[in-house]
Amino acid sequence: FYTGGDNAHYLILAKSLSEGKGYRNINMPSSPPETSYPPIFPLILSPLVKLFGFSPLPAKILVTILGLSTFWVFRKIFPPTPLFLHLIPWVIILNPLILEYSGVILSEIPYLLFSLLCIYFVKRNNWNIAIVFLILSLFTRLIGISLLCAFVIYGAWKKKLTPLQWIIPVLLLSLWTLRGYWLGEEGYIGNLLLINPYNPQE
């Protein structure tokens, strides 16, 4: 049972969304807007919170299903031959950390699935769908910025990416960042500049 606190935070944000109160920390006085946690995972959880209340079990089941889905995507990315490529999905999916995070209400598994789907559609040369999953990755975990950089560099190198295609995710990220600054918080990008995000005073 995960007791780090992020799981409860995601459920609180999902509850706020499900009740039509916006993306807010409704557990705090005056319900301040959330500026650090990206919104996609709470948005995914919000229908479950609406239907089943604040129970963690439906959310855990959903994360487990997403975790199982990553195995299918791994198999699609890596061809069955040669043999060592066929074994890669099994090695990754049986990784103890992936197994552990596939049963807790955290954004690691949704991010893994979205980022893998982005790579899968890049490999299939379907850049428009890849951009959709890139954006989902970007707004599921902050580390999605690295995927955005890789996506733009690879697309430019292959000459497959139009300016509009890479401008869209960059623009959305910029708007989300400006929202954080407008609300008086460093928010999404500001966390990158911290020595220790878990102790901002450093």
N, C-alpha and C. Protein backbone atom coordinates (compact mmCIF):
# COMPACT_ATOMS: atom_id res chain seq x y z
N PHE A 1 0.85 -1.19 0.00
CA PHE A 1 0.00 0.00 0.00
C PHE A 1 0.89 1.24 0.00
N TYR A 2 0.75 2.09 -1.02
CA TYR A 2 1.58 3.29 -1.13
C TYR A 2 1.09 4.36 -0.17
N THR A 3 2.03 4.93 0.59
CA THR A 3 1.65 5.94 1.60
C THR A 3 2.40 7.25 1.39
N GLY A 4 2.89 7.49 0.17
CA GLY A 4 3.66 8.70 -0.08
C GLY A 4 2.85 9.97 -0.12
N GLY A 5 1.55 9.89 -0.34
CA GLY A 5 0.71 11.08 -0.36
C GLY A 5 0.28 11.52 -1.74
N ASP A 6 1.08 11.23 -2.76
CA ASP A 6 0.71 11.65 -4.11
C ASP A 6 -0.59 10.98 -4.57
N ASN A 7 -0.80 9.73 -4.14
CA ASN A 7 -2.02 9.03 -4.56
C ASN A 7 -3.27 9.77 -4.06
N ALA A 8 -3.23 10.21 -2.80
CA ALA A 8 -4.37 10.96 -2.26
C ALA A 8 -4.52 12.30 -2.98
N HIS A 9 -3.39 12.91 -3.31
CA HIS A 9 -3.43 14.21 -4.01
C HIS A 9 -4.11 14.06 -5.37
N TYR A 10 -3.77 13.00 -6.10
CA TYR A 10 -4.41 12.76 -7.40
C TYR A 10 -5.91 12.55 -7.24
N LEU A 11 -6.31 11.82 -6.21
CA LEU A 11 -7.74 11.58 -5.99
C LEU A 11 -8.46 12.87 -5.60
N ILE A 12 -7.81 13.72 -4.82
CA ILE A 12 -8.41 15.00 -4.44
C ILE A 12 -8.62 15.88 -5.67
N LEU A 13 -7.62 15.93 -6.55
CA LEU A 13 -7.75 16.72 -7.78
C LEU A 13 -8.84 16.13 -8.67
N ALA A 14 -8.91 14.80 -8.73
CA ALA A 14 -9.96 14.14 -9.52
C ALA A 14 -11.34 14.46 -8.94
N LYS A 15 -11.45 14.48 -7.63
CA LYS A 15 -12.72 14.83 -6.98
C LYS A 15 -13.11 16.26 -7.30
N SER A 16 -12.16 17.17 -7.28
CA SER A 16 -12.43 18.57 -7.62
C SER A 16 -12.97 18.68 -9.04
N LEU A 17 -12.33 17.96 -9.98
CA LEU A 17 -12.79 17.98 -11.37
C LEU A 17 -14.17 17.36 -11.51
N SER A 18 -14.38 16.25 -10.81
CA SER A 18 -15.66 15.54 -10.94
C SER A 18 -16.82 16.34 -10.37
N GLU A 19 -16.53 17.23 -9.43
CA GLU A 19 -17.57 18.06 -8.81
C GLU A 19 -17.72 19.41 -9.51
N GLY A 20 -16.97 19.61 -10.61
CA GLY A 20 -17.08 20.85 -11.36
C GLY A 20 -16.48 22.06 -10.66
N LYS A 21 -15.52 21.81 -9.76
CA LYS A 21 -14.90 22.91 -9.02
C LYS A 21 -13.60 23.39 -9.66
N GLY A 22 -13.26 22.81 -10.79
CA GLY A 22 -12.02 23.18 -11.45
C GLY A 22 -10.86 22.34 -10.95
N TYR A 23 -9.66 22.74 -11.36
CA TYR A 23 -8.46 21.98 -10.99
C TYR A 23 -7.88 22.59 -9.73
N ARG A 24 -8.47 22.21 -8.59
CA ARG A 24 -8.15 22.87 -7.33
C ARG A 24 -7.85 21.87 -6.22
N ASN A 25 -7.11 22.35 -5.23
CA ASN A 25 -6.83 21.57 -4.03
C ASN A 25 -7.95 21.81 -3.03
N ILE A 26 -9.04 21.08 -3.19
CA ILE A 26 -10.23 21.34 -2.38
C ILE A 26 -10.06 20.88 -0.93
N ASN A 27 -8.94 20.24 -0.62
CA ASN A 27 -8.66 19.84 0.76
C ASN A 27 -7.99 20.96 1.55
N MET A 28 -7.68 22.07 0.89
CA MET A 28 -6.96 23.17 1.54
C MET A 28 -7.88 24.38 1.68
N PRO A 29 -7.60 25.25 2.66
CA PRO A 29 -8.40 26.47 2.82
C PRO A 29 -8.41 27.30 1.55
N SER A 30 -9.56 27.78 1.17
CA SER A 30 -9.81 28.59 -0.03
C SER A 30 -9.61 27.82 -1.34
N SER A 31 -9.33 26.52 -1.26
CA SER A 31 -9.22 25.66 -2.45
C SER A 31 -8.35 26.29 -3.54
N PRO A 32 -7.05 26.47 -3.28
CA PRO A 32 -6.18 27.12 -4.29
C PRO A 32 -6.04 26.26 -5.54
N PRO A 33 -5.86 26.89 -6.70
CA PRO A 33 -5.66 26.14 -7.94
C PRO A 33 -4.37 25.31 -7.87
N GLU A 34 -4.38 24.15 -8.50
CA GLU A 34 -3.19 23.30 -8.57
C GLU A 34 -2.30 23.79 -9.71
N THR A 35 -1.02 23.93 -9.43
CA THR A 35 -0.10 24.41 -10.47
C THR A 35 1.07 23.46 -10.72
N SER A 36 1.28 22.49 -9.84
CA SER A 36 2.45 21.61 -9.98
C SER A 36 2.10 20.28 -10.64
N TYR A 37 1.03 19.66 -10.19
CA TYR A 37 0.66 18.35 -10.73
C TYR A 37 0.01 18.51 -12.10
N PRO A 38 0.52 17.84 -13.12
CA PRO A 38 -0.12 17.91 -14.44
C PRO A 38 -1.53 17.34 -14.40
N PRO A 39 -2.41 17.78 -15.29
CA PRO A 39 -3.85 17.49 -15.13
C PRO A 39 -4.36 16.19 -15.74
N ILE A 40 -3.60 15.51 -16.59
CA ILE A 40 -4.18 14.39 -17.33
C ILE A 40 -4.58 13.24 -16.43
N PHE A 41 -3.71 12.82 -15.52
CA PHE A 41 -4.03 11.67 -14.67
C PHE A 41 -5.24 11.95 -13.78
N PRO A 42 -5.33 13.10 -13.08
CA PRO A 42 -6.55 13.39 -12.34
C PRO A 42 -7.80 13.43 -13.23
N LEU A 43 -7.63 13.92 -14.47
CA LEU A 43 -8.76 13.96 -15.40
C LEU A 43 -9.23 12.55 -15.74
N ILE A 44 -8.29 11.62 -15.90
CA ILE A 44 -8.65 10.22 -16.16
C ILE A 44 -9.36 9.60 -14.96
N LEU A 45 -8.92 9.98 -13.77
CA LEU A 45 -9.51 9.41 -12.55
C LEU A 45 -10.86 10.01 -12.21
N SER A 46 -11.15 11.20 -12.71
CA SER A 46 -12.35 11.92 -12.27
C SER A 46 -13.66 11.15 -12.52
N PRO A 47 -13.84 10.45 -13.67
CA PRO A 47 -15.10 9.68 -13.81
C PRO A 47 -15.23 8.58 -12.76
N LEU A 48 -14.12 7.96 -12.38
CA LEU A 48 -14.16 6.91 -11.36
C LEU A 48 -14.56 7.50 -10.00
N VAL A 49 -14.00 8.66 -9.68
CA VAL A 49 -14.35 9.32 -8.41
C VAL A 49 -15.82 9.74 -8.44
N LYS A 50 -16.28 10.17 -9.59
CA LYS A 50 -17.70 10.56 -9.73
C LYS A 50 -18.62 9.38 -9.49
N LEU A 51 -18.23 8.22 -10.02
CA LEU A 51 -19.08 7.02 -9.94
C LEU A 51 -18.95 6.29 -8.61
N PHE A 52 -17.73 6.19 -8.10
CA PHE A 52 -17.47 5.33 -6.95
C PHE A 52 -17.03 6.08 -5.70
N GLY A 53 -16.99 7.42 -5.77
CA GLY A 53 -16.57 8.18 -4.61
C GLY A 53 -15.07 8.15 -4.44
N PHE A 54 -14.62 8.36 -3.20
CA PHE A 54 -13.19 8.52 -2.94
C PHE A 54 -12.48 7.19 -2.70
N SER A 55 -13.12 6.08 -3.07
CA SER A 55 -12.52 4.76 -2.88
C SER A 55 -11.31 4.59 -3.80
N PRO A 56 -10.19 4.12 -3.28
CA PRO A 56 -8.99 3.95 -4.12
C PRO A 56 -9.03 2.71 -5.01
N LEU A 57 -9.88 1.74 -4.70
CA LEU A 57 -9.85 0.47 -5.43
C LEU A 57 -10.11 0.62 -6.93
N PRO A 58 -11.16 1.34 -7.38
CA PRO A 58 -11.36 1.49 -8.84
C PRO A 58 -10.17 2.14 -9.53
N ALA A 59 -9.55 3.12 -8.88
CA ALA A 59 -8.37 3.78 -9.48
C ALA A 59 -7.21 2.80 -9.58
N LYS A 60 -7.02 1.95 -8.57
CA LYS A 60 -5.96 0.95 -8.61
C LYS A 60 -6.20 -0.03 -9.75
N ILE A 61 -7.45 -0.44 -9.93
CA ILE A 61 -7.77 -1.37 -11.01
C ILE A 61 -7.48 -0.74 -12.37
N LEU A 62 -7.84 0.54 -12.51
CA LEU A 62 -7.57 1.24 -13.76
C LEU A 62 -6.07 1.29 -14.05
N VAL A 63 -5.26 1.62 -13.05
CA VAL A 63 -3.81 1.69 -13.24
C VAL A 63 -3.27 0.31 -13.61
N THR A 64 -3.80 -0.74 -13.01
CA THR A 64 -3.37 -2.10 -13.34
C THR A 64 -3.69 -2.42 -14.80
N ILE A 65 -4.86 -2.02 -15.27
CA ILE A 65 -5.23 -2.25 -16.67
C ILE A 65 -4.29 -1.49 -17.60
N LEU A 66 -3.97 -0.26 -17.23
CA LEU A 66 -3.03 0.52 -18.04
C LEU A 66 -1.65 -0.13 -18.04
N GLY A 67 -1.26 -0.69 -16.88
CA GLY A 67 0.01 -1.38 -16.80
C GLY A 67 0.06 -2.59 -17.71
N LEU A 68 -1.03 -3.35 -17.75
CA LEU A 68 -1.09 -4.50 -18.65
C LEU A 68 -1.07 -4.06 -20.12
N SER A 69 -1.65 -2.90 -20.38
CA SER A 69 -1.68 -2.38 -21.76
C SER A 69 -0.28 -2.03 -22.26
N THR A 70 0.60 -1.65 -21.33
CA THR A 70 1.97 -1.32 -21.75
C THR A 70 2.66 -2.54 -22.35
N PHE A 71 2.32 -3.72 -21.84
CA PHE A 71 2.94 -4.94 -22.37
C PHE A 71 2.57 -5.12 -23.85
N TRP A 72 1.31 -4.88 -24.17
CA TRP A 72 0.86 -5.00 -25.57
C TRP A 72 1.61 -4.01 -26.46
N VAL A 73 1.81 -2.78 -25.97
CA VAL A 73 2.50 -1.77 -26.76
C VAL A 73 3.97 -2.14 -26.93
N PHE A 74 4.60 -2.65 -25.86
CA PHE A 74 5.98 -3.13 -25.98
C PHE A 74 6.09 -4.18 -27.08
N ARG A 75 5.13 -5.10 -27.11
CA ARG A 75 5.18 -6.17 -28.11
C ARG A 75 5.02 -5.61 -29.51
N LYS A 76 4.26 -4.54 -29.65
CA LYS A 76 4.07 -3.91 -30.96
C LYS A 76 5.32 -3.14 -31.41
N ILE A 77 6.03 -2.55 -30.45
CA ILE A 77 7.22 -1.77 -30.79
C ILE A 77 8.37 -2.68 -31.19
N PHE A 78 8.55 -3.76 -30.43
CA PHE A 78 9.67 -4.67 -30.70
C PHE A 78 9.19 -5.86 -31.52
N PRO A 79 9.77 -6.09 -32.69
CA PRO A 79 9.36 -7.22 -33.53
C PRO A 79 9.72 -8.55 -32.88
N PRO A 80 9.05 -9.65 -33.27
CA PRO A 80 9.31 -10.96 -32.66
C PRO A 80 10.66 -11.56 -33.04
N THR A 81 11.29 -11.02 -34.05
CA THR A 81 12.61 -11.53 -34.44
C THR A 81 13.57 -10.35 -34.56
N PRO A 82 14.85 -10.50 -34.24
CA PRO A 82 15.45 -11.72 -33.67
C PRO A 82 14.99 -11.99 -32.24
N LEU A 83 15.41 -13.12 -31.71
CA LEU A 83 14.88 -13.60 -30.44
C LEU A 83 15.09 -12.60 -29.30
N PHE A 84 16.26 -11.94 -29.25
CA PHE A 84 16.52 -11.04 -28.12
C PHE A 84 15.54 -9.87 -28.10
N LEU A 85 15.08 -9.43 -29.30
CA LEU A 85 14.07 -8.36 -29.33
C LEU A 85 12.72 -8.90 -28.84
N HIS A 86 12.45 -10.13 -29.10
CA HIS A 86 11.21 -10.75 -28.64
C HIS A 86 11.17 -10.82 -27.11
N LEU A 87 12.35 -10.94 -26.50
CA LEU A 87 12.41 -11.09 -25.04
C LEU A 87 12.36 -9.74 -24.32
N ILE A 88 12.67 -8.64 -25.01
CA ILE A 88 12.73 -7.33 -24.37
C ILE A 88 11.42 -6.96 -23.66
N PRO A 89 10.24 -7.11 -24.31
CA PRO A 89 9.00 -6.75 -23.59
C PRO A 89 8.83 -7.52 -22.29
N TRP A 90 9.20 -8.80 -22.30
CA TRP A 90 9.07 -9.60 -21.08
C TRP A 90 10.01 -9.11 -19.99
N VAL A 91 11.24 -8.78 -20.38
CA VAL A 91 12.21 -8.30 -19.40
C VAL A 91 11.73 -6.99 -18.77
N ILE A 92 11.18 -6.10 -19.61
CA ILE A 92 10.73 -4.80 -19.11
C ILE A 92 9.47 -4.93 -18.28
N ILE A 93 8.50 -5.68 -18.76
CA ILE A 93 7.21 -5.75 -18.08
C ILE A 93 7.33 -6.50 -16.76
N LEU A 94 8.34 -7.37 -16.61
CA LEU A 94 8.55 -8.08 -15.36
C LEU A 94 9.51 -7.34 -14.43
N ASN A 95 9.90 -6.14 -14.82
CA ASN A 95 10.73 -5.31 -13.96
C ASN A 95 9.99 -5.05 -12.65
N PRO A 96 10.65 -5.28 -11.50
CA PRO A 96 9.95 -5.13 -10.21
C PRO A 96 9.31 -3.76 -10.01
N LEU A 97 9.97 -2.69 -10.49
CA LEU A 97 9.40 -1.35 -10.32
C LEU A 97 8.11 -1.19 -11.13
N ILE A 98 8.11 -1.69 -12.37
CA ILE A 98 6.91 -1.60 -13.19
C ILE A 98 5.78 -2.40 -12.56
N LEU A 99 6.09 -3.58 -12.04
CA LEU A 99 5.08 -4.38 -11.36
C LEU A 99 4.54 -3.66 -10.13
N GLU A 100 5.44 -3.02 -9.40
CA GLU A 100 5.02 -2.30 -8.19
C GLU A 100 4.12 -1.12 -8.54
N TYR A 101 4.54 -0.32 -9.51
CA TYR A 101 3.78 0.89 -9.85
C TYR A 101 2.49 0.58 -10.61
N SER A 102 2.36 -0.64 -11.09
CA SER A 102 1.12 -1.02 -11.79
C SER A 102 -0.03 -1.27 -10.83
N GLY A 103 0.22 -1.12 -9.54
CA GLY A 103 -0.85 -1.34 -8.58
C GLY A 103 -1.08 -0.18 -7.64
N VAL A 104 -0.49 0.98 -7.95
CA VAL A 104 -0.67 2.14 -7.07
C VAL A 104 -1.19 3.32 -7.89
N ILE A 105 -1.82 4.25 -7.19
CA ILE A 105 -2.46 5.39 -7.87
C ILE A 105 -1.43 6.50 -8.07
N LEU A 106 -0.56 6.28 -9.03
CA LEU A 106 0.47 7.24 -9.38
C LEU A 106 0.51 7.37 -10.90
N SER A 107 1.17 8.41 -11.38
CA SER A 107 1.12 8.72 -12.81
C SER A 107 2.21 8.03 -13.63
N GLU A 108 3.09 7.24 -12.99
CA GLU A 108 4.18 6.60 -13.72
C GLU A 108 3.67 5.67 -14.83
N ILE A 109 2.71 4.83 -14.52
CA ILE A 109 2.22 3.85 -15.50
C ILE A 109 1.44 4.54 -16.63
N PRO A 110 0.53 5.46 -16.36
CA PRO A 110 -0.10 6.18 -17.48
C PRO A 110 0.92 6.89 -18.36
N TYR A 111 1.93 7.50 -17.74
CA TYR A 111 2.97 8.16 -18.54
C TYR A 111 3.72 7.15 -19.40
N LEU A 112 4.07 6.02 -18.83
CA LEU A 112 4.77 4.98 -19.60
C LEU A 112 3.94 4.56 -20.80
N LEU A 113 2.65 4.33 -20.59
CA LEU A 113 1.78 3.90 -21.69
C LEU A 113 1.69 4.97 -22.78
N PHE A 114 1.44 6.22 -22.39
CA PHE A 114 1.30 7.29 -23.38
C PHE A 114 2.60 7.52 -24.16
N SER A 115 3.73 7.48 -23.46
CA SER A 115 5.00 7.72 -24.14
C SER A 115 5.32 6.57 -25.10
N LEU A 116 5.00 5.34 -24.70
CA LEU A 116 5.22 4.20 -25.59
C LEU A 116 4.32 4.27 -26.82
N LEU A 117 3.08 4.70 -26.62
CA LEU A 117 2.17 4.86 -27.76
C LEU A 117 2.66 5.95 -28.70
N CYS A 118 3.24 7.00 -28.15
CA CYS A 118 3.84 8.05 -28.99
C CYS A 118 4.96 7.45 -29.85
N ILE A 119 5.83 6.67 -29.23
CA ILE A 119 6.93 6.03 -29.97
C ILE A 119 6.39 5.05 -31.01
N TYR A 120 5.36 4.31 -30.63
CA TYR A 120 4.76 3.33 -31.55
C TYR A 120 4.24 4.00 -32.82
N PHE A 121 3.53 5.12 -32.66
CA PHE A 121 2.97 5.78 -33.84
C PHE A 121 4.03 6.54 -34.63
N VAL A 122 5.11 6.97 -33.97
CA VAL A 122 6.24 7.53 -34.72
C VAL A 122 6.84 6.45 -35.61
N LYS A 123 7.00 5.25 -35.06
CA LYS A 123 7.54 4.14 -35.85
C LYS A 123 6.65 3.79 -37.04
N ARG A 124 5.34 3.99 -36.85
CA ARG A 124 4.39 3.73 -37.94
C ARG A 124 4.23 4.93 -38.87
N ASN A 125 5.01 5.97 -38.59
CA ASN A 125 5.02 7.18 -39.42
C ASN A 125 3.68 7.93 -39.38
N ASN A 126 2.95 7.75 -38.27
CA ASN A 126 1.70 8.48 -38.08
C ASN A 126 1.95 9.57 -37.04
N TRP A 127 2.48 10.68 -37.52
CA TRP A 127 2.95 11.73 -36.61
C TRP A 127 1.81 12.47 -35.93
N ASN A 128 0.65 12.58 -36.58
CA ASN A 128 -0.46 13.31 -35.97
C ASN A 128 -0.98 12.60 -34.71
N ILE A 129 -1.13 11.27 -34.80
CA ILE A 129 -1.57 10.52 -33.61
C ILE A 129 -0.46 10.51 -32.58
N ALA A 130 0.79 10.43 -33.03
CA ALA A 130 1.92 10.46 -32.10
C ALA A 130 1.91 11.75 -31.28
N ILE A 131 1.55 12.86 -31.92
CA ILE A 131 1.50 14.15 -31.22
C ILE A 131 0.45 14.12 -30.12
N VAL A 132 -0.67 13.47 -30.38
CA VAL A 132 -1.72 13.36 -29.35
C VAL A 132 -1.17 12.68 -28.11
N PHE A 133 -0.48 11.56 -28.30
CA PHE A 133 0.07 10.84 -27.15
C PHE A 133 1.27 11.57 -26.54
N LEU A 134 1.97 12.35 -27.35
CA LEU A 134 3.03 13.20 -26.81
C LEU A 134 2.44 14.22 -25.85
N ILE A 135 1.35 14.85 -26.24
CA ILE A 135 0.70 15.85 -25.39
C ILE A 135 0.17 15.20 -24.11
N LEU A 136 -0.42 14.01 -24.25
CA LEU A 136 -0.90 13.30 -23.06
C LEU A 136 0.26 12.98 -22.12
N SER A 137 1.40 12.57 -22.69
CA SER A 137 2.58 12.30 -21.87
C SER A 137 3.08 13.56 -21.18
N LEU A 138 3.12 14.64 -21.94
CA LEU A 138 3.63 15.91 -21.45
C LEU A 138 2.83 16.43 -20.26
N PHE A 139 1.51 16.17 -20.28
CA PHE A 139 0.65 16.66 -19.21
C PHE A 139 0.25 15.56 -18.23
N THR A 140 1.02 14.46 -18.26
CA THR A 140 0.86 13.42 -17.25
C THR A 140 2.01 13.47 -16.25
N ARG A 141 3.23 13.68 -16.78
CA ARG A 141 4.40 13.81 -15.92
C ARG A 141 5.34 14.87 -16.49
N LEU A 142 6.03 15.56 -15.59
CA LEU A 142 6.96 16.62 -16.01
C LEU A 142 8.07 16.09 -16.91
N ILE A 143 8.49 14.84 -16.69
CA ILE A 143 9.56 14.26 -17.48
C ILE A 143 9.17 14.17 -18.96
N GLY A 144 7.89 14.36 -19.27
CA GLY A 144 7.44 14.38 -20.67
C GLY A 144 8.13 15.45 -21.50
N ILE A 145 8.72 16.45 -20.84
CA ILE A 145 9.48 17.47 -21.56
C ILE A 145 10.63 16.83 -22.33
N SER A 146 11.26 15.81 -21.74
CA SER A 146 12.36 15.13 -22.44
C SER A 146 11.85 14.42 -23.69
N LEU A 147 10.66 13.85 -23.61
CA LEU A 147 10.06 13.20 -24.77
C LEU A 147 9.75 14.24 -25.86
N LEU A 148 9.28 15.40 -25.44
CA LEU A 148 9.01 16.48 -26.39
C LEU A 148 10.29 16.88 -27.13
N CYS A 149 11.38 17.04 -26.39
CA CYS A 149 12.66 17.41 -27.02
C CYS A 149 13.11 16.33 -28.01
N ALA A 150 13.02 15.08 -27.59
CA ALA A 150 13.42 13.97 -28.47
C ALA A 150 12.54 13.92 -29.71
N PHE A 151 11.25 14.15 -29.52
CA PHE A 151 10.28 14.11 -30.62
C PHE A 151 10.61 15.17 -31.67
N VAL A 152 10.88 16.39 -31.21
CA VAL A 152 11.18 17.50 -32.13
C VAL A 152 12.50 17.25 -32.85
N ILE A 153 13.53 16.82 -32.11
CA ILE A 153 14.84 16.58 -32.73
C ILE A 153 14.76 15.45 -33.75
N TYR A 154 14.11 14.35 -33.38
CA TYR A 154 14.01 13.21 -34.28
C TYR A 154 13.17 13.56 -35.51
N GLY A 155 12.06 14.26 -35.28
CA GLY A 155 11.20 14.66 -36.40
C GLY A 155 11.90 15.59 -37.36
N ALA A 156 12.71 16.52 -36.83
CA ALA A 156 13.46 17.44 -37.69
C ALA A 156 14.54 16.69 -38.47
N TRP A 157 15.19 15.74 -37.79
CA TRP A 157 16.25 14.96 -38.44
C TRP A 157 15.69 14.11 -39.58
N LYS A 158 14.53 13.52 -39.36
CA LYS A 158 13.90 12.69 -40.38
C LYS A 158 13.13 13.52 -41.42
N LYS A 159 13.02 14.82 -41.15
CA LYS A 159 12.28 15.73 -42.03
C LYS A 159 10.84 15.29 -42.20
N LYS A 160 10.24 14.85 -41.10
CA LYS A 160 8.86 14.37 -41.11
C LYS A 160 7.92 15.31 -40.36
N LEU A 161 8.50 16.25 -39.63
CA LEU A 161 7.70 17.08 -38.74
C LEU A 161 7.54 18.48 -39.31
N THR A 162 6.30 18.93 -39.45
CA THR A 162 6.05 20.29 -39.91
C THR A 162 6.14 21.25 -38.73
N PRO A 163 6.40 22.54 -38.98
CA PRO A 163 6.46 23.50 -37.87
C PRO A 163 5.20 23.50 -37.02
N LEU A 164 4.03 23.38 -37.64
CA LEU A 164 2.78 23.38 -36.88
C LEU A 164 2.71 22.21 -35.92
N GLN A 165 3.22 21.05 -36.34
CA GLN A 165 3.13 19.85 -35.52
C GLN A 165 3.94 19.98 -34.23
N TRP A 166 5.11 20.59 -34.28
CA TRP A 166 5.87 20.72 -33.04
C TRP A 166 5.50 21.97 -32.27
N ILE A 167 4.92 22.95 -32.95
CA ILE A 167 4.51 24.17 -32.26
C ILE A 167 3.33 23.90 -31.33
N ILE A 168 2.42 23.01 -31.72
CA ILE A 168 1.22 22.75 -30.91
C ILE A 168 1.58 22.29 -29.49
N PRO A 169 2.38 21.22 -29.31
CA PRO A 169 2.70 20.83 -27.93
C PRO A 169 3.53 21.88 -27.19
N VAL A 170 4.42 22.56 -27.88
CA VAL A 170 5.21 23.61 -27.24
C VAL A 170 4.30 24.76 -26.77
N LEU A 171 3.33 25.12 -27.61
CA LEU A 171 2.39 26.18 -27.25
C LEU A 171 1.55 25.79 -26.04
N LEU A 172 1.06 24.56 -26.03
CA LEU A 172 0.24 24.10 -24.90
C LEU A 172 1.05 24.10 -23.61
N LEU A 173 2.30 23.65 -23.69
CA LEU A 173 3.16 23.66 -22.51
C LEU A 173 3.42 25.09 -22.04
N SER A 174 3.62 25.99 -22.99
CA SER A 174 3.85 27.40 -22.65
C SER A 174 2.64 28.01 -21.96
N LEU A 175 1.45 27.70 -22.46
CA LEU A 175 0.22 28.23 -21.85
C LEU A 175 0.04 27.70 -20.43
N TRP A 176 0.34 26.41 -20.25
CA TRP A 176 0.22 25.83 -18.91
C TRP A 176 1.23 26.47 -17.95
N THR A 177 2.42 26.73 -18.44
CA THR A 177 3.45 27.37 -17.62
C THR A 177 3.05 28.79 -17.26
N LEU A 178 2.52 29.53 -18.24
CA LEU A 178 2.07 30.90 -17.98
C LEU A 178 0.93 30.92 -16.98
N ARG A 179 0.06 29.91 -17.04
CA ARG A 179 -1.02 29.80 -16.05
C ARG A 179 -0.44 29.72 -14.65
N GLY A 180 0.61 28.91 -14.47
CA GLY A 180 1.23 28.78 -13.16
C GLY A 180 1.81 30.10 -12.67
N TYR A 181 2.50 30.80 -13.55
CA TYR A 181 3.09 32.09 -13.17
C TYR A 181 2.00 33.13 -12.89
N TRP A 182 0.92 33.08 -13.66
CA TRP A 182 -0.18 34.02 -13.48
C TRP A 182 -0.85 33.81 -12.12
N LEU A 183 -0.85 32.54 -11.68
CA LEU A 183 -1.44 32.23 -10.38
C LEU A 183 -0.45 32.44 -9.24
N GLY A 184 0.76 32.94 -9.59
CA GLY A 184 1.72 33.27 -8.56
C GLY A 184 2.59 32.11 -8.12
N GLU A 185 2.63 31.04 -8.92
CA GLU A 185 3.44 29.88 -8.58
C GLU A 185 4.43 29.60 -9.71
N GLU A 186 5.57 29.03 -9.34
CA GLU A 186 6.54 28.65 -10.38
C GLU A 186 6.03 27.44 -11.16
N GLY A 187 5.31 26.56 -10.48
CA GLY A 187 4.59 25.49 -11.14
C GLY A 187 5.44 24.53 -11.94
N TYR A 188 4.91 24.20 -13.11
CA TYR A 188 5.39 23.09 -13.93
C TYR A 188 6.88 23.21 -14.26
N ILE A 189 7.27 24.30 -14.89
CA ILE A 189 8.67 24.46 -15.31
C ILE A 189 9.55 24.85 -14.14
N GLY A 190 9.00 25.58 -13.18
CA GLY A 190 9.78 26.01 -12.04
C GLY A 190 10.38 24.85 -11.26
N ASN A 191 9.70 23.70 -11.28
CA ASN A 191 10.22 22.53 -10.57
C ASN A 191 11.56 22.07 -11.14
N LEU A 192 11.78 22.33 -12.43
CA LEU A 192 13.03 21.92 -13.05
C LEU A 192 14.22 22.68 -12.48
N LEU A 193 13.98 23.86 -11.96
CA LEU A 193 15.06 24.71 -11.48
C LEU A 193 15.37 24.50 -10.00
N LEU A 194 14.59 23.65 -9.33
CA LEU A 194 14.80 23.41 -7.92
C LEU A 194 15.92 22.40 -7.69
N ILE A 195 16.70 22.63 -6.66
CA ILE A 195 17.70 21.64 -6.27
C ILE A 195 17.02 20.37 -5.79
N ASN A 196 15.98 20.54 -5.00
CA ASN A 196 15.24 19.40 -4.46
C ASN A 196 13.76 19.75 -4.45
N PRO A 197 12.97 19.19 -5.40
CA PRO A 197 11.54 19.53 -5.46
C PRO A 197 10.78 19.17 -4.19
N TYR A 198 11.31 18.19 -3.42
CA TYR A 198 10.63 17.77 -2.20
C TYR A 198 10.98 18.65 -1.01
N ASN A 199 11.96 19.53 -1.21
CA ASN A 199 12.30 20.51 -0.17
C ASN A 199 12.64 21.82 -0.87
N PRO A 200 11.63 22.57 -1.34
CA PRO A 200 11.87 23.77 -2.16
C PRO A 200 12.74 24.81 -1.48
N GLN A 201 12.81 24.79 -0.13
CA GLN A 201 13.60 25.79 0.57
C GLN A 201 15.10 25.69 0.25
N GLU A 202 15.52 24.54 -0.27
CA GLU A 202 16.93 24.38 -0.64
C GLU A 202 17.29 25.18 -1.89
